[in-house]
PDB file of N, CA and C in Angstrom:
ATOM      1  N   UNK A   1     112.633  97.396  36.303  1.00  0.00           N
ATOM      2  CA  UNK A   1     111.852  97.492  35.095  1.00  0.00           C
ATOM      3  C   UNK A   1     112.510  96.657  34.016  1.00  0.00           C
ATOM      4  N   UNK A   2     111.681  96.176  33.117  1.00  0.00           N
ATOM      5  CA  UNK A   2     112.240  95.330  32.067  1.00  0.00           C
ATOM      6  C   UNK A   2     111.304  95.302  30.861  1.00  0.00           C
ATOM      7  N   UNK A   3     111.899  95.008  29.718  1.00  0.00           N
ATOM      8  CA  UNK A   3     111.154  94.843  28.468  1.00  0.00           C
ATOM      9  C   UNK A   3     111.576  93.519  27.852  1.00  0.00           C
ATOM     10  N   UNK A   4     110.586  92.744  27.408  1.00  0.00           N
ATOM     11  CA  UNK A   4     110.869  91.501  26.697  1.00  0.00           C
ATOM     12  C   UNK A   4     110.184  91.577  25.342  1.00  0.00           C
ATOM     13  N   UNK A   5     110.939  91.297  24.277  1.00  0.00           N
ATOM     14  CA  UNK A   5     110.400  91.337  22.915  1.00  0.00           C
ATOM     15  C   UNK A   5     110.304  89.920  22.367  1.00  0.00           C
ATOM     16  N   UNK A   6     109.143  89.582  21.831  1.00  0.00           N
ATOM     17  CA  UNK A   6     108.946  88.277  21.211  1.00  0.00           C
ATOM     18  C   UNK A   6     108.400  88.504  19.798  1.00  0.00           C
ATOM     19  N   UNK A   7     109.235  88.211  18.796  1.00  0.00           N
ATOM     20  CA  UNK A   7     108.840  88.410  17.409  1.00  0.00           C
ATOM     21  C   UNK A   7     108.091  87.182  16.903  1.00  0.00           C
ATOM     22  N   UNK A   8     106.966  87.424  16.219  1.00  0.00           N
ATOM     23  CA  UNK A   8     106.165  86.335  15.681  1.00  0.00           C
ATOM     24  C   UNK A   8     106.562  86.070  14.238  1.00  0.00           C
ATOM     25  N   UNK A   9     106.726  84.789  13.890  1.00  0.00           N
ATOM     26  CA  UNK A   9     107.082  84.434  12.514  1.00  0.00           C
ATOM     27  C   UNK A   9     105.879  84.529  11.585  1.00  0.00           C
ATOM     28  N   UNK A  10     104.687  84.313  12.124  1.00  0.00           N
ATOM     29  CA  UNK A  10     103.482  84.265  11.303  1.00  0.00           C
ATOM     30  C   UNK A  10     102.881  85.641  11.003  1.00  0.00           C
ATOM     31  N   UNK A  11     103.263  86.673  11.764  1.00  0.00           N
ATOM     32  CA  UNK A  11     102.706  88.017  11.581  1.00  0.00           C
ATOM     33  C   UNK A  11     103.814  89.052  11.726  1.00  0.00           C
ATOM     34  N   UNK A  12     103.610  90.234  11.116  1.00  0.00           N
ATOM     35  CA  UNK A  12     104.603  91.316  11.279  1.00  0.00           C
ATOM     36  C   UNK A  12     104.404  92.051  12.603  1.00  0.00           C
ATOM     37  N   UNK A  13     104.379  91.290  13.685  1.00  0.00           N
ATOM     38  CA  UNK A  13     104.071  91.833  15.004  1.00  0.00           C
ATOM     39  C   UNK A  13     105.138  91.389  16.007  1.00  0.00           C
ATOM     40  N   UNK A  14     105.385  92.256  16.969  1.00  0.00           N
ATOM     41  CA  UNK A  14     106.252  91.914  18.092  1.00  0.00           C
ATOM     42  C   UNK A  14     105.424  92.041  19.360  1.00  0.00           C
ATOM     43  N   UNK A  15     105.393  90.976  20.155  1.00  0.00           N
ATOM     44  CA  UNK A  15     104.727  91.016  21.452  1.00  0.00           C
ATOM     45  C   UNK A  15     105.730  91.578  22.459  1.00  0.00           C
ATOM     46  N   UNK A  16     105.418  92.739  22.998  1.00  0.00           N
ATOM     47  CA  UNK A  16     106.318  93.403  23.933  1.00  0.00           C
ATOM     48  C   UNK A  16     105.715  93.307  25.329  1.00  0.00           C
ATOM     49  N   UNK A  17     106.462  92.689  26.240  1.00  0.00           N
ATOM     50  CA  UNK A  17     106.013  92.558  27.624  1.00  0.00           C
ATOM     51  C   UNK A  17     106.761  93.576  28.474  1.00  0.00           C
ATOM     52  N   UNK A  18     105.987  94.417  29.143  1.00  0.00           N
ATOM     53  CA  UNK A  18     106.528  95.456  30.020  1.00  0.00           C
ATOM     54  C   UNK A  18     106.386  94.992  31.466  1.00  0.00           C
ATOM     55  N   UNK A  19     107.453  95.082  32.238  1.00  0.00           N
ATOM     56  CA  UNK A  19     107.422  94.744  33.662  1.00  0.00           C
ATOM     57  C   UNK A  19     107.961  95.927  34.453  1.00  0.00           C
ATOM     58  N   UNK A  20     107.194  96.351  35.446  1.00  0.00           N
ATOM     59  CA  UNK A  20     107.572  97.503  36.260  1.00  0.00           C
ATOM     60  C   UNK A  20     107.583  97.082  37.728  1.00  0.00           C
ATOM     61  N   UNK A  21     108.694  97.360  38.417  1.00  0.00           N
ATOM     62  CA  UNK A  21     108.785  97.113  39.853  1.00  0.00           C
ATOM     63  C   UNK A  21     108.231  98.337  40.572  1.00  0.00           C
ATOM     64  N   UNK A  22     107.050  98.175  41.164  1.00  0.00           N
ATOM     65  CA  UNK A  22     106.412  99.294  41.866  1.00  0.00           C
ATOM     66  C   UNK A  22     105.530  98.730  42.973  1.00  0.00           C
ATOM     67  N   UNK A  23     106.172  98.128  43.952  1.00  0.00           N
ATOM     68  CA  UNK A  23     105.459  97.401  45.006  1.00  0.00           C
ATOM     69  C   UNK A  23     104.436  98.251  45.764  1.00  0.00           C
ATOM     70  N   UNK A  24     104.699  99.540  45.920  1.00  0.00           N
ATOM     71  CA  UNK A  24     103.795 100.404  46.671  1.00  0.00           C
ATOM     72  C   UNK A  24     102.742 101.086  45.800  1.00  0.00           C
ATOM     73  N   UNK A  25     102.783 100.845  44.481  1.00  0.00           N
ATOM     74  CA  UNK A  25     101.850 101.508  43.567  1.00  0.00           C
ATOM     75  C   UNK A  25     100.498 100.801  43.536  1.00  0.00           C
ATOM     76  N   UNK A  26      99.484 101.567  43.183  1.00  0.00           N
ATOM     77  CA  UNK A  26      98.143 101.010  43.012  1.00  0.00           C
ATOM     78  C   UNK A  26      97.842 100.722  41.539  1.00  0.00           C
ATOM     79  N   UNK A  27      98.267 101.633  40.648  1.00  0.00           N
ATOM     80  CA  UNK A  27      97.996 101.470  39.222  1.00  0.00           C
ATOM     81  C   UNK A  27      99.215 101.872  38.404  1.00  0.00           C
ATOM     82  N   UNK A  28      99.474 101.089  37.343  1.00  0.00           N
ATOM     83  CA  UNK A  28     100.557 101.387  36.408  1.00  0.00           C
ATOM     84  C   UNK A  28     100.029 101.191  34.996  1.00  0.00           C
ATOM     85  N   UNK A  29     100.292 102.175  34.141  1.00  0.00           N
ATOM     86  CA  UNK A  29      99.914 102.105  32.733  1.00  0.00           C
ATOM     87  C   UNK A  29     101.167 102.294  31.891  1.00  0.00           C
ATOM     88  N   UNK A  30     101.168 101.709  30.687  1.00  0.00           N
ATOM     89  CA  UNK A  30     102.202 102.033  29.716  1.00  0.00           C
ATOM     90  C   UNK A  30     101.504 102.895  28.665  1.00  0.00           C
ATOM     91  N   UNK A  31     102.118 104.033  28.390  1.00  0.00           N
ATOM     92  CA  UNK A  31     101.516 105.017  27.506  1.00  0.00           C
ATOM     93  C   UNK A  31     102.558 105.467  26.500  1.00  0.00           C
ATOM     94  N   UNK A  32     102.150 105.594  25.232  1.00  0.00           N
ATOM     95  CA  UNK A  32     103.107 106.001  24.218  1.00  0.00           C
ATOM     96  C   UNK A  32     102.443 106.370  22.919  1.00  0.00           C
ATOM     97  N   UNK A  33     103.273 106.606  21.899  1.00  0.00           N
ATOM     98  CA  UNK A  33     102.709 106.993  20.615  1.00  0.00           C
ATOM     99  C   UNK A  33     101.947 105.848  19.949  1.00  0.00           C
ATOM    100  N   UNK A  34     102.115 104.621  20.442  1.00  0.00           N
ATOM    101  CA  UNK A  34     101.366 103.477  19.907  1.00  0.00           C
ATOM    102  C   UNK A  34      99.916 103.453  20.381  1.00  0.00           C
ATOM    103  N   UNK A  35      99.574 104.239  21.425  1.00  0.00           N
ATOM    104  CA  UNK A  35      98.188 104.305  21.896  1.00  0.00           C
ATOM    105  C   UNK A  35      97.751 105.764  22.113  1.00  0.00           C
ATOM    106  N   UNK A  36      98.339 106.675  21.325  1.00  0.00           N
ATOM    107  CA  UNK A  36      98.037 108.110  21.405  1.00  0.00           C
ATOM    108  C   UNK A  36      98.223 108.663  22.814  1.00  0.00           C
ATOM    109  N   UNK A  37      99.199 108.125  23.531  1.00  0.00           N
ATOM    110  CA  UNK A  37      99.543 108.559  24.882  1.00  0.00           C
ATOM    111  C   UNK A  37      98.354 108.447  25.842  1.00  0.00           C
ATOM    112  N   UNK A  38      97.529 107.429  25.611  1.00  0.00           N
ATOM    113  CA  UNK A  38      96.387 107.186  26.493  1.00  0.00           C
ATOM    114  C   UNK A  38      96.873 106.886  27.905  1.00  0.00           C
ATOM    115  N   UNK A  39      96.219 107.491  28.886  1.00  0.00           N
ATOM    116  CA  UNK A  39      96.581 107.260  30.282  1.00  0.00           C
ATOM    117  C   UNK A  39      95.666 106.232  30.929  1.00  0.00           C
ATOM    118  N   UNK A  40      94.865 105.526  30.104  1.00  0.00           N
ATOM    119  CA  UNK A  40      93.941 104.525  30.642  1.00  0.00           C
ATOM    120  C   UNK A  40      93.893 103.238  29.820  1.00  0.00           C
ATOM    121  N   UNK A  41      94.493 103.212  28.646  1.00  0.00           N
ATOM    122  CA  UNK A  41      94.297 102.081  27.732  1.00  0.00           C
ATOM    123  C   UNK A  41      95.065 100.819  28.112  1.00  0.00           C
ATOM    124  N   UNK A  42      96.331 100.909  28.379  1.00  0.00           N
ATOM    125  CA  UNK A  42      97.155  99.730  28.636  1.00  0.00           C
ATOM    126  C   UNK A  42      97.572  99.669  30.112  1.00  0.00           C
ATOM    127  N   UNK A  43      96.649  99.234  30.941  1.00  0.00           N
ATOM    128  CA  UNK A  43      96.947  99.086  32.364  1.00  0.00           C
ATOM    129  C   UNK A  43      97.708  97.780  32.578  1.00  0.00           C
ATOM    130  N   UNK A  44      98.777  97.835  33.351  1.00  0.00           N
ATOM    131  CA  UNK A  44      99.552  96.643  33.665  1.00  0.00           C
ATOM    132  C   UNK A  44      98.948  95.977  34.897  1.00  0.00           C
ATOM    133  N   UNK A  45      98.989  94.651  34.904  1.00  0.00           N
ATOM    134  CA  UNK A  45      98.387  93.875  35.989  1.00  0.00           C
ATOM    135  C   UNK A  45      99.384  93.716  37.136  1.00  0.00           C
ATOM    136  N   UNK A  46      98.884  93.915  38.360  1.00  0.00           N
ATOM    137  CA  UNK A  46      99.751  93.761  39.528  1.00  0.00           C
ATOM    138  C   UNK A  46      99.878  92.281  39.877  1.00  0.00           C
ATOM    139  N   UNK A  47     101.118  91.823  40.013  1.00  0.00           N
ATOM    140  CA  UNK A  47     101.409  90.437  40.355  1.00  0.00           C
ATOM    141  C   UNK A  47     101.576  90.295  41.867  1.00  0.00           C
ATOM    142  N   UNK A  48     101.577  89.057  42.355  1.00  0.00           N
ATOM    143  CA  UNK A  48     101.725  88.796  43.793  1.00  0.00           C
ATOM    144  C   UNK A  48     103.037  89.318  44.357  1.00  0.00           C
ATOM    145  N   UNK A  49     104.089  89.349  43.521  1.00  0.00           N
ATOM    146  CA  UNK A  49     105.397  89.819  43.992  1.00  0.00           C
ATOM    147  C   UNK A  49     105.499  91.348  44.014  1.00  0.00           C
ATOM    148  N   UNK A  50     104.408  92.032  43.635  1.00  0.00           N
ATOM    149  CA  UNK A  50     104.400  93.489  43.662  1.00  0.00           C
ATOM    150  C   UNK A  50     104.756  94.148  42.350  1.00  0.00           C
ATOM    151  N   UNK A  51     105.248  93.380  41.383  1.00  0.00           N
ATOM    152  CA  UNK A  51     105.547  93.930  40.067  1.00  0.00           C
ATOM    153  C   UNK A  51     104.263  94.088  39.269  1.00  0.00           C
ATOM    154  N   UNK A  52     104.318  94.942  38.268  1.00  0.00           N
ATOM    155  CA  UNK A  52     103.225  95.110  37.323  1.00  0.00           C
ATOM    156  C   UNK A  52     103.694  94.606  35.963  1.00  0.00           C
ATOM    157  N   UNK A  53     102.797  93.924  35.236  1.00  0.00           N
ATOM    158  CA  UNK A  53     103.206  93.310  33.981  1.00  0.00           C
ATOM    159  C   UNK A  53     102.066  93.356  32.970  1.00  0.00           C
ATOM    160  N   UNK A  54     102.425  93.566  31.707  1.00  0.00           N
ATOM    161  CA  UNK A  54     101.438  93.558  30.634  1.00  0.00           C
ATOM    162  C   UNK A  54     102.115  93.437  29.289  1.00  0.00           C
ATOM    163  N   UNK A  55     101.365  92.952  28.292  1.00  0.00           N
ATOM    164  CA  UNK A  55     101.898  92.730  26.949  1.00  0.00           C
ATOM    165  C   UNK A  55     101.113  93.554  25.936  1.00  0.00           C
ATOM    166  N   UNK A  56     101.844  94.168  25.006  1.00  0.00           N
ATOM    167  CA  UNK A  56     101.244  94.958  23.934  1.00  0.00           C
ATOM    168  C   UNK A  56     101.795  94.444  22.613  1.00  0.00           C
ATOM    169  N   UNK A  57     100.909  94.235  21.631  1.00  0.00           N
ATOM    170  CA  UNK A  57     101.337  93.844  20.290  1.00  0.00           C
ATOM    171  C   UNK A  57     101.679  95.104  19.492  1.00  0.00           C
ATOM    172  N   UNK A  58     102.922  95.179  19.001  1.00  0.00           N
ATOM    173  CA  UNK A  58     103.369  96.336  18.228  1.00  0.00           C
ATOM    174  C   UNK A  58     103.856  95.892  16.861  1.00  0.00           C
ATOM    175  N   UNK A  59     103.602  96.706  15.864  1.00  0.00           N
ATOM    176  CA  UNK A  59     104.027  96.406  14.498  1.00  0.00           C
ATOM    177  C   UNK A  59     105.547  96.443  14.415  1.00  0.00           C
ATOM    178  N   UNK A  60     106.110  95.412  13.739  1.00  0.00           N
ATOM    179  CA  UNK A  60     107.569  95.309  13.605  1.00  0.00           C
ATOM    180  C   UNK A  60     108.138  96.417  12.736  1.00  0.00           C
ATOM    181  N   UNK A  61     109.451  96.556  12.814  1.00  0.00           N
ATOM    182  CA  UNK A  61     110.216  97.512  12.009  1.00  0.00           C
ATOM    183  C   UNK A  61     109.795  98.954  12.275  1.00  0.00           C
ATOM    184  N   UNK A  62     109.493  99.251  13.514  1.00  0.00           N
ATOM    185  CA  UNK A  62     109.100 100.600  13.912  1.00  0.00           C
ATOM    186  C   UNK A  62     109.824 101.002  15.189  1.00  0.00           C
ATOM    187  N   UNK A  63     109.799 102.289  15.465  1.00  0.00           N
ATOM    188  CA  UNK A  63     110.333 102.842  16.698  1.00  0.00           C
ATOM    189  C   UNK A  63     109.195 103.541  17.424  1.00  0.00           C
ATOM    190  N   UNK A  64     109.074 103.287  18.715  1.00  0.00           N
ATOM    191  CA  UNK A  64     107.980 103.839  19.517  1.00  0.00           C
ATOM    192  C   UNK A  64     108.543 104.589  20.711  1.00  0.00           C
ATOM    193  N   UNK A  65     107.909 105.711  21.041  1.00  0.00           N
ATOM    194  CA  UNK A  65     108.230 106.444  22.262  1.00  0.00           C
ATOM    195  C   UNK A  65     107.177 106.115  23.300  1.00  0.00           C
ATOM    196  N   UNK A  66     107.603 105.964  24.564  1.00  0.00           N
ATOM    197  CA  UNK A  66     106.652 105.611  25.617  1.00  0.00           C
ATOM    198  C   UNK A  66     107.193 106.006  26.976  1.00  0.00           C
ATOM    199  N   UNK A  67     106.292 105.947  27.963  1.00  0.00           N
ATOM    200  CA  UNK A  67     106.629 106.130  29.379  1.00  0.00           C
ATOM    201  C   UNK A  67     105.655 105.289  30.190  1.00  0.00           C
ATOM    202  N   UNK A  68     105.999 105.092  31.443  1.00  0.00           N
ATOM    203  CA  UNK A  68     105.077 104.454  32.385  1.00  0.00           C
ATOM    204  C   UNK A  68     104.395 105.553  33.191  1.00  0.00           C
ATOM    205  N   UNK A  69     103.133 105.324  33.526  1.00  0.00           N
ATOM    206  CA  UNK A  69     102.394 106.210  34.405  1.00  0.00           C
ATOM    207  C   UNK A  69     102.124 105.425  35.681  1.00  0.00           C
ATOM    208  N   UNK A  70     102.891 105.725  36.718  1.00  0.00           N
ATOM    209  CA  UNK A  70     102.827 104.998  37.992  1.00  0.00           C
ATOM    210  C   UNK A  70     102.135 105.896  39.015  1.00  0.00           C
ATOM    211  N   UNK A  71     100.903 105.535  39.349  1.00  0.00           N
ATOM    212  CA  UNK A  71     100.098 106.346  40.280  1.00  0.00           C
ATOM    213  C   UNK A  71     100.135 107.834  39.918  1.00  0.00           C
ATOM    214  N   UNK A  72     100.000 108.121  38.622  1.00  0.00           N
ATOM    215  CA  UNK A  72      99.939 109.507  38.158  1.00  0.00           C
ATOM    216  C   UNK A  72     101.276 110.169  37.901  1.00  0.00           C
ATOM    217  N   UNK A  73     102.382 109.474  38.141  1.00  0.00           N
ATOM    218  CA  UNK A  73     103.719 110.024  37.919  1.00  0.00           C
ATOM    219  C   UNK A  73     104.378 109.338  36.731  1.00  0.00           C
ATOM    220  N   UNK A  74     104.926 110.137  35.814  1.00  0.00           N
ATOM    221  CA  UNK A  74     105.587 109.591  34.620  1.00  0.00           C
ATOM    222  C   UNK A  74     106.971 109.067  34.969  1.00  0.00           C
ATOM    223  N   UNK A  75     107.307 107.881  34.423  1.00  0.00           N
ATOM    224  CA  UNK A  75     108.631 107.287  34.630  1.00  0.00           C
ATOM    225  C   UNK A  75     109.125 106.690  33.327  1.00  0.00           C
ATOM    226  N   UNK A  76     110.426 106.743  33.136  1.00  0.00           N
ATOM    227  CA  UNK A  76     111.043 106.120  31.967  1.00  0.00           C
ATOM    228  C   UNK A  76     111.452 104.689  32.279  1.00  0.00           C
ATOM    229  N   UNK A  77     111.642 103.921  31.224  1.00  0.00           N
ATOM    230  CA  UNK A  77     112.125 102.543  31.313  1.00  0.00           C
ATOM    231  C   UNK A  77     113.647 102.576  31.371  1.00  0.00           C
ATOM    232  N   UNK A  78     114.223 101.976  32.399  1.00  0.00           N
ATOM    233  CA  UNK A  78     115.686 101.962  32.559  1.00  0.00           C
ATOM    234  C   UNK A  78     116.379 101.170  31.450  1.00  0.00           C
ATOM    235  N   UNK A  79     115.700 100.172  30.892  1.00  0.00           N
ATOM    236  CA  UNK A  79     116.298  99.329  29.858  1.00  0.00           C
ATOM    237  C   UNK A  79     115.812  99.686  28.451  1.00  0.00           C
ATOM    238  N   UNK A  80     115.373 100.921  28.259  1.00  0.00           N
ATOM    239  CA  UNK A  80     114.916 101.362  26.933  1.00  0.00           C
ATOM    240  C   UNK A  80     116.061 101.274  25.930  1.00  0.00           C
ATOM    241  N   UNK A  81     115.705 101.121  24.658  1.00  0.00           N
ATOM    242  CA  UNK A  81     116.732 101.063  23.614  1.00  0.00           C
ATOM    243  C   UNK A  81     117.460 102.401  23.490  1.00  0.00           C
ATOM    244  N   UNK A  82     116.748 103.495  23.740  1.00  0.00           N
ATOM    245  CA  UNK A  82     117.352 104.825  23.765  1.00  0.00           C
ATOM    246  C   UNK A  82     116.337 105.780  24.389  1.00  0.00           C
ATOM    247  N   UNK A  83     116.678 107.065  24.391  1.00  0.00           N
ATOM    248  CA  UNK A  83     115.788 108.097  24.935  1.00  0.00           C
ATOM    249  C   UNK A  83     115.727 109.246  23.949  1.00  0.00           C
ATOM    250  N   UNK A  84     114.596 109.954  23.944  1.00  0.00           N
ATOM    251  CA  UNK A  84     114.418 111.076  23.020  1.00  0.00           C
ATOM    252  C   UNK A  84     113.722 112.211  23.761  1.00  0.00           C
ATOM    253  N   UNK A  85     114.232 113.434  23.575  1.00  0.00           N
ATOM    254  CA  UNK A  85     113.626 114.606  24.207  1.00  0.00           C
ATOM    255  C   UNK A  85     112.250 114.841  23.613  1.00  0.00           C
ATOM    256  N   UNK A  86     111.294 115.216  24.460  1.00  0.00           N
ATOM    257  CA  UNK A  86     109.947 115.530  23.992  1.00  0.00           C
ATOM    258  C   UNK A  86     109.705 117.035  24.080  1.00  0.00           C
ATOM    259  N   UNK A  87     108.522 117.468  23.654  1.00  0.00           N
ATOM    260  CA  UNK A  87     108.185 118.895  23.638  1.00  0.00           C
ATOM    261  C   UNK A  87     107.944 119.467  25.036  1.00  0.00           C
ATOM    262  N   UNK A  88     107.889 118.614  26.044  1.00  0.00           N
ATOM    263  CA  UNK A  88     107.625 119.060  27.412  1.00  0.00           C
ATOM    264  C   UNK A  88     108.914 119.276  28.217  1.00  0.00           C
ATOM    265  N   UNK A  89     110.064 119.065  27.563  1.00  0.00           N
ATOM    266  CA  UNK A  89     111.341 119.302  28.232  1.00  0.00           C
ATOM    267  C   UNK A  89     111.864 118.122  29.032  1.00  0.00           C
ATOM    268  N   UNK A  90     111.310 116.940  28.788  1.00  0.00           N
ATOM    269  CA  UNK A  90     111.817 115.727  29.439  1.00  0.00           C
ATOM    270  C   UNK A  90     112.065 114.667  28.368  1.00  0.00           C
ATOM    271  N   UNK A  91     112.575 113.532  28.799  1.00  0.00           N
ATOM    272  CA  UNK A  91     112.882 112.468  27.842  1.00  0.00           C
ATOM    273  C   UNK A  91     111.807 111.395  27.856  1.00  0.00           C
ATOM    274  N   UNK A  92     111.579 110.808  26.682  1.00  0.00           N
ATOM    275  CA  UNK A  92     110.728 109.626  26.558  1.00  0.00           C
ATOM    276  C   UNK A  92     111.620 108.406  26.351  1.00  0.00           C
ATOM    277  N   UNK A  93     111.163 107.263  26.806  1.00  0.00           N
ATOM    278  CA  UNK A  93     111.843 106.010  26.501  1.00  0.00           C
ATOM    279  C   UNK A  93     111.564 105.673  25.039  1.00  0.00           C
ATOM    280  N   UNK A  94     112.531 105.041  24.368  1.00  0.00           N
ATOM    281  CA  UNK A  94     112.364 104.652  22.979  1.00  0.00           C
ATOM    282  C   UNK A  94     112.514 103.135  22.877  1.00  0.00           C
ATOM    283  N   UNK A  95     111.586 102.533  22.135  1.00  0.00           N
ATOM    284  CA  UNK A  95     111.563 101.085  21.934  1.00  0.00           C
ATOM    285  C   UNK A  95     111.674 100.818  20.433  1.00  0.00           C
ATOM    286  N   UNK A  96     112.644  99.988  20.048  1.00  0.00           N
ATOM    287  CA  UNK A  96     112.814  99.625  18.635  1.00  0.00           C
ATOM    288  C   UNK A  96     112.421  98.164  18.456  1.00  0.00           C
ATOM    289  N   UNK A  97     111.431  97.941  17.583  1.00  0.00           N
ATOM    290  CA  UNK A  97     110.994  96.562  17.310  1.00  0.00           C
ATOM    291  C   UNK A  97     111.064  96.265  15.835  1.00  0.00           C
TER     292      UNK A  97
END
């Protein structure tokens, strides 16, 4: 798994590219407080090498909590900036942009 941040000079936006290694998965979504934890909004595209990849524009100078939904199972990002406990008794990945 990986996160790439690209800050735009012309806008207060950061293009965040999420990459998930899930060769046996059918569907992967990135879900977080930036999309009201939608389980259908930000679907990552499956690449020929089996990875899933997608880009989300996020407002700069903010912190976001998120997780991946891989075939219905929640997973954290190994390279997250940090982790934060949620109300469900597990941790969310934290992204600082």
